[in-house]
Amino acid sequence: MRYEEFEAFLSWLEETISAQKVDVLIVAGDIFDTMTPSNRAQALYFEFLGRVSKSCCQHVVIVAGNHDSPTFLDAPSQVLKFLNVHVIGTACDDLTDEVLVLGDADGIPHCIVAAVPYLRDRDVRSSSAGESAKTKDANVIAGICAHYDGVAEIATAKQAELAKSHKRHIPIIATGHLFALDSKTTEDDGVRDLYVGNLGQISASMFDDCFDYVALGHLHVPQRVGSCDHIRYSGSPIAMGFGEARQQKQVLLAQFGAAINRFNNEVVKPEVITDTSVHIEKAASHSMNNTQFMYDLFAFDESVNDDTTNKGDDSDENKNSASFGGHADAQEPLFEKGLSATVIPTTRLLHHDDSRSLQVISLAIPCFQKLAQVSGDWEQIDTELTTLMQNAKSVWLEVIYTGNAMMTDLRERVNDLVTESNANNNGINNIEVLKIRNMQIKDKVMMQNAYSQEALQDLSNAEVFERCLNSHDIVDEQKPALRNAYQEIVQMIVQEDLNAE
């Protein structure tokens, strides 16, 4: 459980909300990483909401993700309304319930939020026996489109009403927890397929033009959808796997109207880490002066770097909103106590749109726990590990051996190196090896069609199923149907709401 790492992020987010005077915080799904979160994770969730409700943030909107139990999130929703925390766990039968008009204490509207949660298979289509994969995909996409078209129609009607009485444009913000077509993912990020066979990948054209901004959750890599700068994933706030170790994490600040003239470029510096587990994505409305954003240091340049800027005049609106998607109670190793955060004081203007009076800013999140991958032959691994142990204060490590020589004692060698280093450092475990992969052994075993030396942790669920097919000598002609049946069973298990009656 990475409670301390996530609590440090939540503390930073809370301070950032106050520093940027955010009016609305939107959580785009995956509040928890399991449908049955621990008591500690629940406490962190409710304590955070309680603190934010007392800040300048006037509303919090939370929608469920595919990891969440919809009924679990919905259960306290009526109580949370008294804190101006609006929770949509389950897709609503009456779509009007998903369209929220959010305003200040005087009834002046800030924005309209189309709070669409993760749409489960049963929410968007009815299954029929003998459906082909192509038909299923078409039905899933059609169901998602119909849902968004429905909330867009309701939102635009409310927008027209408000425009008459307030004589100005009220922005519409939509949420979503889905997989956009051609989006980027990373190895080892734990992102699950949302529908059987990875169906239901949507394109930017699915979202109605009435949406001034679309805050998406599910994917961990920060990125826009297609060429649309107003439709974005902010990504996970911390690295959820070693494949994300080199990413600069961010939250997004979406600003509308006069709020564009307000922006606090002072970096929020977190203290030593305490304790939590939540994963988040955000968009708010404020302004920005001449600031810069540190590009992704290692990869994914396009996700934070391919942005357009067209500066222009501001409108009369004065609104700040924030959106984020989270993972609490993540099933990860314990976080080392007393670790300090690495602070990267960076902001960057990603998008400015005069027609929507919209501006999107990226705020870099400090790194609370360093992750690293070391790969190569033994010489390279030995050298890199030695350098890391000399320089790093605290690192969680993955070692990948790619050398040609057979090395059956890789794990022992790595552990001996790390143990010796930690012993020389007064017993403080600066380096903690969480994962070791010996690709050379794996390749040889695969070629020999024998799996006895494989470690279960190195295999995905699908790979284990493939081993079963091979060990039972299933003929190739039968494998596609069995794979599809297996995927459907897994999807039913993953989507079952254990908290439902």
Protein backbone atom coordinates (compact mmCIF):
# COMPACT_ATOMS: atom_id res chain seq x y z
CA MET A 1 0.00 0.00 0.00
CA ARG A 2 1.46 3.38 -0.99
CA TYR A 3 -0.49 5.39 1.57
CA GLU A 4 2.29 7.81 2.48
CA GLU A 5 3.11 8.60 -1.13
CA PHE A 6 -0.52 9.29 -1.99
CA GLU A 7 -1.14 11.33 1.14
CA ALA A 8 1.81 13.52 0.23
CA PHE A 9 0.25 14.11 -3.16
CA LEU A 10 -3.14 14.96 -1.65
CA SER A 11 -1.50 17.44 0.71
CA TRP A 12 0.27 19.04 -2.25
CA LEU A 13 -2.99 19.11 -4.24
CA GLU A 14 -4.85 20.70 -1.35
CA GLU A 15 -2.23 23.46 -1.09
CA THR A 16 -2.26 23.92 -4.86
CA ILE A 17 -6.05 24.31 -4.87
CA SER A 18 -5.73 27.09 -2.30
CA ALA A 19 -2.77 28.73 -4.04
CA GLN A 20 -4.59 28.79 -7.40
CA LYS A 21 -7.99 29.66 -5.86
CA VAL A 22 -9.69 26.75 -7.61
CA ASP A 23 -13.48 26.95 -7.58
CA VAL A 24 -14.38 23.46 -8.78
CA LEU A 25 -12.45 20.21 -8.46
CA ILE A 26 -13.50 17.35 -10.77
CA VAL A 27 -12.33 13.79 -10.10
CA ALA A 28 -12.43 11.75 -13.32
CA GLY A 29 -12.66 8.27 -11.86
CA ASP A 30 -10.57 5.57 -10.18
CA ILE A 31 -10.79 7.07 -6.73
CA PHE A 32 -9.72 3.69 -5.40
CA ASP A 33 -7.76 0.88 -6.99
CA THR A 34 -10.15 -1.76 -5.71
CA MET A 35 -13.89 -2.12 -5.18
CA THR A 36 -13.25 -2.93 -1.51
CA PRO A 37 -10.85 -0.21 -0.30
CA SER A 38 -9.25 -0.47 3.12
CA ASN A 39 -10.46 1.54 6.10
CA ARG A 40 -7.31 3.63 5.93
CA ALA A 41 -7.88 4.48 2.27
CA GLN A 42 -11.49 5.43 2.99
CA ALA A 43 -10.40 7.65 5.87
CA LEU A 44 -7.94 9.46 3.62
CA TYR A 45 -10.64 9.96 0.99
CA PHE A 46 -13.19 11.47 3.36
CA GLU A 47 -10.63 13.54 5.28
CA PHE A 48 -9.39 15.05 2.02
CA LEU A 49 -12.93 15.91 0.93
CA GLY A 50 -13.63 17.45 4.33
CA ARG A 51 -10.55 19.67 4.18
CA VAL A 52 -11.14 20.75 0.59
CA SER A 53 -14.77 21.63 1.36
CA LYS A 54 -13.47 24.19 3.88
CA SER A 55 -11.09 25.74 1.36
CA CYS A 56 -11.74 28.20 -1.46
CA CYS A 57 -12.92 25.27 -3.58
CA GLN A 58 -16.69 25.63 -3.74
CA HIS A 59 -17.57 22.32 -5.39
CA VAL A 60 -16.06 18.86 -5.82
CA VAL A 61 -17.40 16.55 -8.55
CA ILE A 62 -16.49 12.86 -8.35
CA VAL A 63 -17.32 10.20 -10.95
CA ALA A 64 -16.54 6.50 -10.72
CA GLY A 65 -13.85 4.77 -12.76
CA ASN A 66 -13.54 1.15 -13.81
CA HIS A 67 -11.61 0.29 -10.61
CA ASP A 68 -14.31 1.75 -8.36
CA SER A 69 -17.43 0.20 -6.91
CA PRO A 70 -20.25 2.46 -8.17
CA THR A 71 -22.53 1.62 -5.24
CA PHE A 72 -19.72 2.14 -2.72
CA LEU A 73 -19.12 5.66 -4.04
CA ASP A 74 -22.85 6.39 -4.27
CA ALA A 75 -23.63 5.26 -0.70
CA PRO A 76 -22.55 8.49 1.10
CA SER A 77 -23.46 10.79 -1.81
CA GLN A 78 -26.51 12.34 -0.11
CA VAL A 79 -24.44 13.26 2.96
CA LEU A 80 -21.56 14.58 0.87
CA LYS A 81 -23.94 16.96 -0.92
CA PHE A 82 -24.00 19.03 2.27
CA LEU A 83 -20.28 19.65 1.66
CA ASN A 84 -20.96 20.50 -2.00
CA VAL A 85 -19.33 17.22 -3.00
CA HIS A 86 -21.28 15.73 -5.91
CA VAL A 87 -20.77 12.00 -6.53
CA ILE A 88 -21.92 10.07 -9.60
CA GLY A 89 -20.94 6.44 -9.11
CA THR A 90 -23.48 4.71 -11.32
CA ALA A 91 -24.62 5.82 -14.77
CA CYS A 92 -27.99 7.50 -14.19
CA ASP A 93 -31.22 6.27 -15.77
CA ASP A 94 -32.32 9.90 -15.89
CA LEU A 95 -29.45 11.71 -17.60
CA THR A 96 -30.58 14.99 -16.05
CA ASP A 97 -29.04 13.74 -12.79
CA GLU A 98 -25.61 13.73 -14.44
CA VAL A 99 -25.82 17.39 -15.51
CA LEU A 100 -24.83 19.72 -12.67
CA VAL A 101 -25.04 23.51 -12.57
CA LEU A 102 -22.37 24.70 -10.15
CA GLY A 103 -22.32 28.22 -8.77
CA ASP A 104 -21.22 30.32 -5.83
CA ALA A 105 -23.03 31.01 -2.57
CA ASP A 106 -24.98 33.81 -4.24
CA GLY A 107 -26.28 31.55 -6.98
CA ILE A 108 -24.03 32.96 -9.69
CA PRO A 109 -23.22 29.99 -11.97
CA HIS A 110 -19.59 29.01 -12.53
CA CYS A 111 -20.11 26.21 -15.01
CA ILE A 112 -22.20 23.24 -16.08
CA VAL A 113 -20.62 19.81 -15.53
CA ALA A 114 -21.74 16.77 -17.50
CA ALA A 115 -20.57 14.30 -14.86
CA VAL A 116 -20.40 11.06 -16.82
CA PRO A 117 -18.85 8.13 -14.91
CA TYR A 118 -17.23 5.02 -16.37
CA LEU A 119 -19.92 3.47 -18.57
CA ARG A 120 -19.92 -0.25 -17.94
CA ASP A 121 -20.81 -2.74 -20.62
CA ARG A 122 -24.34 -3.16 -19.25
CA ASP A 123 -24.81 0.64 -19.29
CA VAL A 124 -24.19 1.00 -23.03
CA ARG A 125 -25.43 -2.16 -24.72
CA SER A 126 -27.49 -5.32 -24.36
CA SER A 127 -25.65 -8.48 -25.35
CA SER A 128 -27.02 -10.98 -27.84
CA ALA A 129 -25.97 -14.56 -28.46
CA GLY A 130 -23.71 -15.04 -31.45
CA GLU A 131 -22.62 -11.40 -31.73
CA SER A 132 -19.40 -10.90 -33.63
CA ALA A 133 -16.58 -8.82 -32.14
CA LYS A 134 -17.23 -6.17 -34.78
CA THR A 135 -20.92 -5.94 -33.84
CA LYS A 136 -20.09 -5.76 -30.14
CA ASP A 137 -17.61 -2.96 -30.77
CA ALA A 138 -20.13 -1.01 -32.84
CA ASN A 139 -22.78 -1.42 -30.14
CA VAL A 140 -20.44 -0.34 -27.34
CA ILE A 141 -19.36 2.79 -29.22
CA ALA A 142 -22.96 3.58 -30.23
CA GLY A 143 -24.06 3.26 -26.59
CA ILE A 144 -21.29 5.56 -25.34
CA CYS A 145 -22.08 8.12 -28.05
CA ALA A 146 -25.80 8.02 -27.26
CA HIS A 147 -25.08 8.64 -23.58
CA TYR A 148 -22.87 11.66 -24.27
CA ASP A 149 -25.31 13.03 -26.85
CA GLY A 150 -28.04 12.81 -24.24
CA VAL A 151 -26.15 14.74 -21.55
CA ALA A 152 -24.96 17.26 -24.15
CA GLU A 153 -28.56 18.02 -25.14
CA ILE A 154 -29.57 18.56 -21.52
CA ALA A 155 -26.47 20.65 -20.78
CA THR A 156 -26.97 22.94 -23.77
CA ALA A 157 -30.60 23.51 -22.80
CA LYS A 158 -29.51 24.56 -19.31
CA GLN A 159 -26.76 26.70 -20.79
CA ALA A 160 -29.28 28.56 -22.97
CA GLU A 161 -31.49 29.22 -19.93
CA LEU A 162 -28.58 30.58 -17.90
CA ALA A 163 -27.34 32.71 -20.80
CA LYS A 164 -30.70 34.50 -20.93
CA SER A 165 -30.70 35.36 -17.24
CA HIS A 166 -26.98 36.07 -16.77
CA LYS A 167 -26.19 37.53 -20.20
CA ARG A 168 -22.95 35.57 -20.63
CA HIS A 169 -21.57 32.25 -21.75
CA ILE A 170 -21.55 29.53 -19.08
CA PRO A 171 -18.92 26.90 -19.99
CA ILE A 172 -19.80 23.21 -20.13
CA ILE A 173 -17.24 20.72 -18.81
CA ALA A 174 -17.68 17.00 -19.47
CA THR A 175 -16.02 14.12 -17.69
CA GLY A 176 -15.23 10.66 -18.96
CA HIS A 177 -13.48 7.50 -17.90
CA LEU A 178 -12.66 5.72 -21.12
CA PHE A 179 -10.00 4.72 -23.63
CA ALA A 180 -9.55 7.14 -26.52
CA LEU A 181 -8.46 5.82 -29.89
CA ASP A 182 -4.67 5.86 -30.50
CA SER A 183 -3.96 6.91 -26.93
CA LYS A 184 -0.60 6.16 -25.31
CA THR A 185 -0.10 3.64 -22.53
CA THR A 186 3.03 2.24 -20.92
CA GLU A 187 4.15 -1.26 -20.04
CA ASP A 188 3.44 -2.30 -16.47
CA ASP A 189 0.93 0.53 -15.82
CA GLY A 190 -1.91 -1.72 -14.65
CA VAL A 191 -4.44 -0.13 -17.02
CA ARG A 192 -7.20 -2.66 -17.61
CA ASP A 193 -9.18 -3.14 -20.80
CA LEU A 194 -12.53 -1.46 -20.26
CA TYR A 195 -14.50 -3.77 -22.50
CA VAL A 196 -14.02 -7.31 -23.81
CA GLY A 197 -11.24 -7.44 -26.37
CA ASN A 198 -10.43 -3.75 -25.77
CA LEU A 199 -13.60 -2.69 -27.55
CA GLY A 200 -15.14 0.74 -27.14
CA GLN A 201 -12.18 2.92 -28.07
CA ILE A 202 -13.67 6.31 -28.89
CA SER A 203 -12.47 9.23 -30.96
CA ALA A 204 -12.52 12.95 -30.21
CA SER A 205 -15.37 13.44 -32.67
CA MET A 206 -17.66 11.55 -30.30
CA PHE A 207 -17.78 14.55 -27.96
CA ASP A 208 -20.28 17.26 -28.84
CA ASP A 209 -18.91 20.70 -29.72
CA CYS A 210 -20.88 22.15 -26.82
CA PHE A 211 -18.28 20.78 -24.41
CA ASP A 212 -15.81 23.58 -23.71
CA TYR A 213 -13.49 21.17 -21.92
CA VAL A 214 -13.43 17.38 -21.47
CA ALA A 215 -11.58 15.98 -18.45
CA LEU A 216 -10.76 12.31 -18.98
CA GLY A 217 -9.58 9.60 -16.61
CA HIS A 218 -8.28 6.03 -17.00
CA LEU A 219 -4.96 6.42 -18.83
CA HIS A 220 -1.80 7.22 -16.86
CA VAL A 221 0.09 9.04 -19.61
CA PRO A 222 -0.74 12.79 -19.86
CA GLN A 223 -2.04 13.46 -23.37
CA ARG A 224 -4.63 15.20 -25.49
CA VAL A 225 -7.12 13.22 -27.58
CA GLY A 226 -6.45 13.42 -31.29
CA SER A 227 -5.67 17.00 -32.20
CA CYS A 228 -8.18 18.44 -29.73
CA ASP A 229 -6.43 20.46 -27.04
CA HIS A 230 -9.60 20.85 -24.99
CA ILE A 231 -10.00 17.08 -24.57
CA ARG A 232 -7.28 15.75 -22.28
CA TYR A 233 -6.04 13.09 -19.92
CA SER A 234 -3.98 14.63 -17.15
CA GLY A 235 -2.56 11.21 -16.30
CA SER A 236 -1.78 9.62 -12.95
CA PRO A 237 -0.18 11.83 -10.29
CA ILE A 238 2.43 9.25 -9.36
CA ALA A 239 4.10 6.47 -11.36
CA MET A 240 1.84 3.41 -11.16
CA GLY A 241 4.50 1.13 -12.63
CA PHE A 242 8.14 1.12 -13.64
CA GLY A 243 7.14 1.88 -17.22
CA GLU A 244 6.11 5.34 -15.96
CA ALA A 245 9.28 5.92 -13.95
CA ARG A 246 10.66 8.48 -16.41
CA GLN A 247 7.50 10.53 -16.85
CA GLN A 248 7.07 13.99 -15.37
CA LYS A 249 3.64 13.79 -13.74
CA GLN A 250 1.25 16.72 -13.90
CA VAL A 251 -2.17 18.07 -13.01
CA LEU A 252 -4.09 20.35 -15.33
CA LEU A 253 -5.50 23.75 -14.52
CA ALA A 254 -8.32 24.80 -16.89
CA GLN A 255 -9.25 28.47 -16.74
CA PHE A 256 -12.26 30.26 -18.16
CA GLY A 257 -12.87 33.95 -18.74
CA ALA A 258 -11.50 36.49 -16.29
CA ALA A 259 -9.92 33.71 -14.25
CA ILE A 260 -7.27 33.59 -16.98
CA ASN A 261 -5.83 36.74 -15.44
CA ARG A 262 -5.27 35.05 -12.09
CA PHE A 263 -2.45 32.59 -11.69
CA ASN A 264 -0.08 31.91 -8.81
CA ASN A 265 3.27 30.70 -10.13
CA GLU A 266 4.66 30.04 -6.66
CA VAL A 267 5.66 26.40 -6.28
CA VAL A 268 3.97 24.44 -3.52
CA LYS A 269 6.78 22.65 -1.69
CA PRO A 270 5.61 19.55 0.17
CA GLU A 271 7.04 18.46 3.50
CA VAL A 272 8.38 15.01 4.29
CA ILE A 273 5.88 12.40 3.16
CA THR A 274 3.16 11.23 5.49
CA ASP A 275 0.54 8.71 4.45
CA THR A 276 -2.12 7.93 1.66
CA SER A 277 -3.24 6.20 -1.53
CA VAL A 278 -5.16 8.02 -4.28
CA HIS A 279 -4.43 8.65 -7.99
CA ILE A 280 -5.60 11.81 -9.67
CA GLU A 281 -6.25 13.97 -12.71
CA LYS A 282 -7.22 17.66 -12.77
CA ALA A 283 -8.31 20.67 -14.80
CA ALA A 284 -9.07 24.09 -13.33
CA SER A 285 -9.67 27.69 -14.38
CA HIS A 286 -7.16 30.44 -13.59
CA SER A 287 -4.63 32.53 -15.41
CA MET A 288 -1.03 32.34 -16.33
CA ASN A 289 1.79 34.80 -16.75
CA ASN A 290 5.15 34.14 -18.40
CA THR A 291 5.87 30.69 -16.96
CA GLN A 292 7.55 27.64 -18.36
CA PHE A 293 6.87 23.95 -18.09
CA MET A 294 9.62 21.36 -17.85
CA TYR A 295 9.06 18.94 -20.67
CA ASP A 296 8.75 15.23 -20.02
CA LEU A 297 12.38 14.51 -19.26
CA PHE A 298 12.59 11.11 -20.87
CA ALA A 299 9.70 10.41 -23.23
CA PHE A 300 6.13 11.15 -24.22
CA ASP A 301 7.06 14.60 -25.51
CA GLU A 302 3.90 14.73 -27.57
CA SER A 303 1.71 14.22 -24.54
CA VAL A 304 2.84 17.44 -22.86
CA ASN A 305 4.68 19.13 -25.63
CA ASP A 306 2.57 19.29 -28.78
CA ASP A 307 0.43 22.22 -27.78
CA THR A 308 -0.89 25.28 -29.55
CA THR A 309 -1.03 28.80 -28.16
CA ASN A 310 -3.26 31.60 -29.50
CA LYS A 311 -3.40 34.51 -27.07
CA GLY A 312 -6.36 36.83 -27.04
CA ASP A 313 -8.86 38.82 -24.99
CA ASP A 314 -10.61 37.58 -21.85
CA SER A 315 -14.37 37.36 -21.32
CA ASP A 316 -16.38 38.48 -18.31
CA GLU A 317 -16.54 35.02 -16.76
CA ASN A 318 -14.56 34.37 -13.61
CA LYS A 319 -14.36 30.66 -12.94
CA ASN A 320 -11.82 28.15 -11.74
CA SER A 321 -12.43 24.43 -12.05
CA ALA A 322 -10.27 21.40 -11.43
CA SER A 323 -10.59 17.78 -12.51
CA PHE A 324 -8.67 14.72 -11.51
CA GLY A 325 -8.88 10.91 -11.55
CA GLY A 326 -7.60 8.80 -8.67
CA HIS A 327 -6.39 5.48 -7.27
CA ALA A 328 -6.55 4.96 -3.56
CA ASP A 329 -5.59 1.78 -1.77
CA ALA A 330 -3.28 0.81 -4.63
CA GLN A 331 -1.91 -2.68 -4.18
CA GLU A 332 1.78 -1.77 -4.07
CA PRO A 333 4.72 -2.38 -1.69
CA LEU A 334 4.95 -0.35 1.49
CA PHE A 335 6.37 3.11 1.10
CA GLU A 336 9.57 3.89 2.95
CA LYS A 337 8.92 6.36 5.76
CA GLY A 338 10.66 9.68 6.03
CA LEU A 339 11.23 10.15 2.32
CA SER A 340 11.41 13.73 1.05
CA ALA A 341 9.78 14.82 -2.19
CA THR A 342 11.73 15.98 -5.20
CA VAL A 343 10.36 19.42 -6.12
CA ILE A 344 10.26 20.48 -9.77
CA PRO A 345 9.00 24.10 -9.90
CA THR A 346 7.43 24.03 -13.34
CA THR A 347 4.28 25.23 -15.06
CA ARG A 348 3.43 25.48 -18.70
CA LEU A 349 0.70 26.90 -20.88
CA LEU A 350 -0.67 24.04 -22.96
CA HIS A 351 -3.58 25.65 -24.75
CA HIS A 352 -5.32 29.01 -25.18
CA ASP A 353 -8.60 29.30 -27.06
CA ASP A 354 -10.23 32.71 -27.50
CA SER A 355 -13.42 31.27 -28.92
CA ARG A 356 -14.05 29.31 -25.71
CA SER A 357 -12.32 31.80 -23.38
CA LEU A 358 -10.37 28.77 -22.24
CA GLN A 359 -6.80 28.29 -21.10
CA VAL A 360 -5.19 25.01 -19.97
CA ILE A 361 -2.07 25.00 -17.80
CA SER A 362 0.05 22.06 -16.74
CA LEU A 363 1.36 22.05 -13.17
CA ALA A 364 4.23 19.62 -12.55
CA ILE A 365 3.78 17.31 -9.57
CA PRO A 366 6.80 16.78 -7.29
CA CYS A 367 8.20 13.25 -7.24
CA PHE A 368 7.51 11.68 -3.85
CA GLN A 369 9.19 8.33 -4.50
CA LYS A 370 11.85 7.71 -7.12
CA LEU A 371 11.45 4.66 -9.37
CA ALA A 372 14.19 3.44 -11.67
CA GLN A 373 14.79 0.74 -14.28
CA VAL A 374 18.25 -0.73 -14.78
CA SER A 375 18.73 -2.92 -17.85
CA GLY A 376 21.49 -4.47 -19.91
CA ASP A 377 24.09 -7.20 -19.48
CA TRP A 378 25.63 -7.83 -16.06
CA GLU A 379 28.43 -5.32 -16.56
CA GLN A 380 25.93 -2.55 -17.33
CA ILE A 381 23.67 -3.55 -14.46
CA ASP A 382 26.61 -3.67 -12.02
CA THR A 383 27.82 -0.22 -13.10
CA GLU A 384 24.39 1.43 -13.01
CA LEU A 385 23.49 -0.13 -9.67
CA THR A 386 26.77 1.07 -8.16
CA THR A 387 26.15 4.60 -9.43
CA LEU A 388 22.59 4.58 -8.12
CA MET A 389 23.67 3.36 -4.72
CA GLN A 390 26.24 6.11 -4.47
CA ASN A 391 23.92 8.94 -5.48
CA ALA A 392 20.32 8.03 -4.70
CA LYS A 393 18.68 8.70 -1.36
CA SER A 394 15.81 6.28 -1.87
CA VAL A 395 14.93 4.31 -4.99
CA TRP A 396 12.53 1.52 -5.84
CA LEU A 397 14.20 -0.50 -8.55
CA GLU A 398 13.39 -2.87 -11.40
CA VAL A 399 16.31 -4.84 -12.88
CA ILE A 400 16.03 -6.25 -16.41
CA TYR A 401 18.82 -8.55 -17.62
CA THR A 402 19.16 -8.58 -21.42
CA GLY A 403 22.66 -10.07 -21.79
CA ASN A 404 23.49 -13.07 -23.98
CA ALA A 405 25.19 -15.14 -21.28
CA MET A 406 23.02 -17.46 -19.24
CA MET A 407 22.81 -16.04 -15.73
CA THR A 408 20.87 -18.27 -13.35
CA ASP A 409 22.09 -16.45 -10.23
CA LEU A 410 20.96 -12.97 -11.30
CA ARG A 411 18.67 -12.48 -8.32
CA GLU A 412 21.39 -13.50 -5.86
CA ARG A 413 23.95 -11.15 -7.45
CA VAL A 414 21.60 -8.18 -7.40
CA ASN A 415 20.53 -8.83 -3.81
CA ASP A 416 24.15 -9.17 -2.67
CA LEU A 417 25.07 -5.84 -4.27
CA VAL A 418 22.12 -4.03 -2.72
CA THR A 419 22.55 -5.65 0.70
CA GLU A 420 26.21 -4.65 0.80
CA SER A 421 25.36 -1.08 -0.18
CA ASN A 422 22.63 -0.75 2.43
CA ALA A 423 24.94 -2.24 5.08
CA ASN A 424 27.56 0.40 4.27
CA ASN A 425 24.88 3.06 4.68
CA ASN A 426 24.17 2.41 8.36
CA GLY A 427 21.51 -0.12 7.53
CA ILE A 428 19.28 2.38 5.70
CA ASN A 429 17.64 0.74 2.69
CA ASN A 430 18.32 3.37 0.06
CA ILE A 431 17.83 0.86 -2.74
CA GLU A 432 14.88 -1.52 -2.69
CA VAL A 433 14.68 -4.01 -5.57
CA LEU A 434 11.02 -4.77 -6.22
CA LYS A 435 11.26 -6.61 -9.52
CA ILE A 436 13.91 -8.63 -11.36
CA ARG A 437 13.40 -9.88 -14.91
CA ASN A 438 15.83 -12.24 -16.60
CA MET A 439 14.89 -11.91 -20.27
CA GLN A 440 17.65 -14.29 -21.38
CA ILE A 441 16.26 -17.18 -19.34
CA LYS A 442 12.72 -16.33 -20.35
CA ASP A 443 13.59 -16.37 -24.06
CA LYS A 444 15.42 -19.68 -23.80
CA VAL A 445 12.58 -21.26 -21.86
CA MET A 446 10.10 -20.01 -24.43
CA MET A 447 12.13 -21.51 -27.27
CA GLN A 448 12.25 -24.83 -25.45
CA ASN A 449 8.49 -24.71 -24.93
CA ALA A 450 8.94 -25.23 -21.21
CA TYR A 451 7.72 -22.86 -18.53
CA SER A 452 9.04 -24.40 -15.33
CA GLN A 453 11.54 -21.59 -14.68
CA GLU A 454 9.12 -18.72 -15.29
CA ALA A 455 7.99 -16.64 -12.35
CA LEU A 456 4.26 -16.10 -12.12
CA GLN A 457 4.77 -12.40 -11.34
CA ASP A 458 6.39 -11.96 -14.76
CA LEU A 459 3.27 -13.18 -16.58
CA SER A 460 0.01 -11.38 -17.26
CA ASN A 461 -3.34 -13.10 -16.78
CA ALA A 462 -3.63 -13.53 -20.54
CA GLU A 463 -0.18 -15.15 -20.72
CA VAL A 464 -1.12 -17.61 -17.98
CA PHE A 465 -4.24 -18.52 -19.95
CA GLU A 466 -2.10 -19.04 -23.07
CA ARG A 467 0.10 -21.43 -21.07
CA CYS A 468 -3.03 -23.36 -20.14
CA LEU A 469 -4.13 -23.58 -23.76
CA ASN A 470 -0.74 -24.91 -24.79
CA SER A 471 -0.40 -27.35 -21.91
CA HIS A 472 -3.78 -28.87 -22.80
CA ASP A 473 -2.87 -29.16 -26.50
CA ILE A 474 -5.81 -27.05 -27.67
CA VAL A 475 -5.90 -26.91 -31.45
CA ASP A 476 -5.33 -23.51 -33.07
CA GLU A 477 -8.82 -23.41 -34.60
CA GLN A 478 -10.45 -23.47 -31.14
CA LYS A 479 -8.18 -20.92 -29.46
CA PRO A 480 -9.88 -17.67 -30.67
CA ALA A 481 -13.29 -18.72 -29.31
CA LEU A 482 -11.75 -19.81 -25.99
CA ARG A 483 -9.78 -16.57 -25.68
CA ASN A 484 -12.94 -14.54 -26.29
CA ALA A 485 -14.87 -16.57 -23.70
CA TYR A 486 -12.03 -16.11 -21.21
CA GLN A 487 -11.99 -12.33 -21.78
CA GLU A 488 -15.75 -12.13 -21.22
CA ILE A 489 -15.45 -14.06 -17.94
CA VAL A 490 -12.59 -11.84 -16.74
CA GLN A 491 -14.57 -8.73 -17.68
CA MET A 492 -17.61 -9.96 -15.75
CA ILE A 493 -15.45 -10.57 -12.67
CA VAL A 494 -13.71 -7.19 -12.91
CA GLN A 495 -16.96 -5.26 -13.41
CA GLU A 496 -18.97 -7.07 -10.72
CA ASP A 497 -19.87 -4.59 -8.01
CA LEU A 498 -19.24 -6.51 -4.80
CA ASN A 499 -20.97 -3.79 -2.76
CA ALA A 500 -24.24 -3.98 -4.69
CA GLU A 501 -27.20 -5.74 -3.10
